[in-house]
Amino acid sequence: MLQISNTVSIPEEEIDMSAMRSQGAGGQNVNKVASAIHLRFDIQASSLPDRYKDRLLKRSDQRITKDGVIIIKAQEHRSQQQNREEARLRLRELIKSAIALPKRRKRSKPTRSSQRKRLDSKNRRSHIKAMRRKVTDE
């Protein structure tokens, strides 16, 4: 059971994990041992609440395919068990971040001094440009 929140959890049967060889340099061990973990989680077929599914599917994340499958590859650690835990943790964080509502922005008013500075700089710039104009005899 992967606990997402107090009320939401994902059964292990819905999470498909397979072991594979890690990429990159690493000596003899990397060529012999399948320590990297490839996690697949089908959002549509899961037991997540509908609001979780909707928020996940609307999200533009490269780990979510067009078919609604989350794919996570963990290969940072040397042991398969640590990579398995890392992949589960990343899945949990992805789901939690999708359901978290962004903070509402509080409107703020510019200070008087910042308004004054802005108008002064506009006046200065205006004066500089006015000095570039042709001189007319009146």
Protein backbone atom coordinates (compact mmCIF):
# COMPACT_ATOMS: atom_id res chain seq x y z
CA MET A 1 0.00 0.00 0.00
CA LEU A 2 1.38 3.39 -1.04
CA GLN A 3 -0.08 6.02 1.29
CA ILE A 4 -0.74 9.33 -0.52
CA SER A 5 -2.73 11.13 2.18
CA ASN A 6 -4.75 10.22 5.27
CA THR A 7 -7.69 9.05 3.14
CA VAL A 8 -6.07 8.08 -0.19
CA SER A 9 -3.78 5.13 -0.81
CA ILE A 10 -2.79 3.01 -3.80
CA PRO A 11 -2.74 -0.80 -3.61
CA GLU A 12 0.55 -2.45 -4.66
CA GLU A 13 -1.27 -4.38 -7.43
CA GLU A 14 -1.86 -1.12 -9.35
CA ILE A 15 1.85 -0.25 -9.42
CA ASP A 16 3.88 -2.20 -11.97
CA MET A 17 7.62 -2.29 -11.23
CA SER A 18 10.26 -4.04 -13.30
CA ALA A 19 14.01 -4.24 -12.77
CA MET A 20 16.51 -3.44 -15.51
CA ARG A 21 20.17 -2.66 -15.89
CA SER A 22 21.24 0.88 -15.06
CA GLN A 23 22.68 3.19 -17.70
CA GLY A 24 26.09 4.75 -17.78
CA ALA A 25 29.47 3.89 -16.35
CA GLY A 26 29.77 1.86 -13.21
CA GLY A 27 32.21 -0.97 -13.71
CA GLN A 28 31.42 -4.66 -13.64
CA ASN A 29 28.46 -4.40 -11.26
CA VAL A 30 26.35 -2.34 -13.69
CA ASN A 31 26.79 -5.00 -16.39
CA LYS A 32 25.69 -7.88 -14.17
CA VAL A 33 22.99 -6.57 -11.82
CA ALA A 34 19.53 -5.24 -12.72
CA SER A 35 19.36 -2.50 -10.11
CA ALA A 36 17.37 0.20 -11.97
CA ILE A 37 13.60 0.23 -11.47
CA HIS A 38 11.02 1.08 -14.15
CA LEU A 39 7.70 2.01 -12.48
CA ARG A 40 4.45 2.17 -14.46
CA PHE A 41 1.16 3.42 -13.03
CA ASP A 42 -2.03 3.59 -15.10
CA ILE A 43 -4.04 6.60 -13.90
CA GLN A 44 -7.33 5.61 -15.56
CA ALA A 45 -7.33 2.04 -14.22
CA SER A 46 -6.33 3.09 -10.70
CA SER A 47 -8.47 3.36 -7.60
CA LEU A 48 -7.59 7.04 -7.11
CA PRO A 49 -10.51 9.46 -6.59
CA ASP A 50 -11.78 11.13 -9.77
CA ARG A 51 -10.49 14.58 -8.79
CA TYR A 52 -6.96 13.14 -8.41
CA LYS A 53 -7.23 11.45 -11.82
CA ASP A 54 -8.49 14.62 -13.52
CA ARG A 55 -5.74 16.79 -12.04
CA LEU A 56 -3.05 14.26 -13.00
CA LEU A 57 -4.30 13.88 -16.57
CA LYS A 58 -4.53 17.66 -17.11
CA ARG A 59 -0.97 18.10 -15.92
CA SER A 60 1.72 18.63 -18.57
CA ASP A 61 4.46 16.43 -17.19
CA GLN A 62 6.90 14.46 -19.34
CA ARG A 63 6.51 11.45 -17.04
CA ILE A 64 2.80 11.13 -17.96
CA THR A 65 2.13 9.59 -21.40
CA LYS A 66 -0.76 10.46 -23.71
CA ASP A 67 -2.46 7.24 -22.62
CA GLY A 68 -2.45 8.38 -18.99
CA VAL A 69 0.36 6.16 -17.73
CA ILE A 70 2.95 7.51 -15.32
CA ILE A 71 6.44 6.18 -16.09
CA ILE A 72 9.22 6.71 -13.56
CA LYS A 73 12.76 5.34 -13.88
CA ALA A 74 14.89 5.24 -10.74
CA GLN A 75 18.59 4.36 -11.04
CA GLU A 76 20.43 6.65 -8.62
CA HIS A 77 21.27 4.00 -6.04
CA ARG A 78 23.33 0.85 -6.36
CA SER A 79 20.76 -1.42 -4.77
CA GLN A 80 17.48 -2.44 -6.36
CA GLN A 81 15.57 -2.00 -3.09
CA GLN A 82 16.70 1.63 -2.67
CA ASN A 83 15.72 2.39 -6.27
CA ARG A 84 12.34 0.73 -5.69
CA GLU A 85 11.73 3.00 -2.68
CA GLU A 86 12.93 6.04 -4.65
CA ALA A 87 10.49 5.30 -7.50
CA ARG A 88 7.58 4.86 -5.06
CA LEU A 89 8.51 8.12 -3.31
CA ARG A 90 8.61 9.99 -6.66
CA LEU A 91 5.20 8.60 -7.63
CA ARG A 92 3.79 9.70 -4.27
CA GLU A 93 5.26 13.21 -4.64
CA LEU A 94 3.94 13.53 -8.20
CA ILE A 95 0.40 12.65 -7.11
CA LYS A 96 0.59 14.93 -4.05
CA SER A 97 1.87 17.86 -6.10
CA ALA A 98 -0.92 17.41 -8.67
CA ILE A 99 -3.65 17.69 -6.06
CA ALA A 100 -2.08 20.60 -4.14
CA LEU A 101 -3.74 23.90 -5.00
CA PRO A 102 -1.40 26.78 -5.85
CA LYS A 103 -1.41 29.74 -3.47
CA ARG A 104 -3.64 32.61 -4.48
CA ARG A 105 -1.77 35.79 -5.29
CA LYS A 106 -2.44 38.73 -3.03
CA ARG A 107 -2.71 41.99 -4.91
CA SER A 108 -0.30 44.64 -3.77
CA LYS A 109 -0.11 48.35 -4.43
CA PRO A 110 3.15 50.02 -5.41
CA THR A 111 4.60 52.30 -2.75
CA ARG A 112 4.50 56.07 -3.14
CA SER A 113 8.27 56.29 -3.45
CA SER A 114 8.35 53.66 -6.22
CA GLN A 115 5.60 55.55 -8.08
CA ARG A 116 7.54 58.80 -7.68
CA LYS A 117 10.78 57.19 -8.89
CA ARG A 118 8.99 55.80 -11.94
CA LEU A 119 7.50 59.19 -12.85
CA ASP A 120 10.83 60.97 -12.28
CA SER A 121 12.65 58.57 -14.58
CA LYS A 122 9.92 59.04 -17.22
CA ASN A 123 10.32 62.84 -16.95
CA ARG A 124 14.10 62.56 -17.22
CA ARG A 125 13.83 60.34 -20.29
CA SER A 126 11.25 62.71 -21.83
CA HIS A 127 13.58 65.67 -21.29
CA ILE A 128 16.50 63.83 -22.92
CA LYS A 129 14.38 63.03 -25.97
CA ALA A 130 13.03 66.59 -26.15
CA MET A 131 16.61 67.91 -26.32
CA ARG A 132 17.21 65.79 -29.46
CA ARG A 133 14.47 67.56 -31.44
CA LYS A 134 15.23 70.21 -34.05
CA VAL A 135 15.53 73.72 -32.78
CA THR A 136 12.92 76.03 -34.32
CA ASP A 137 13.11 79.83 -34.39
CA GLU A 138 10.00 81.35 -32.95
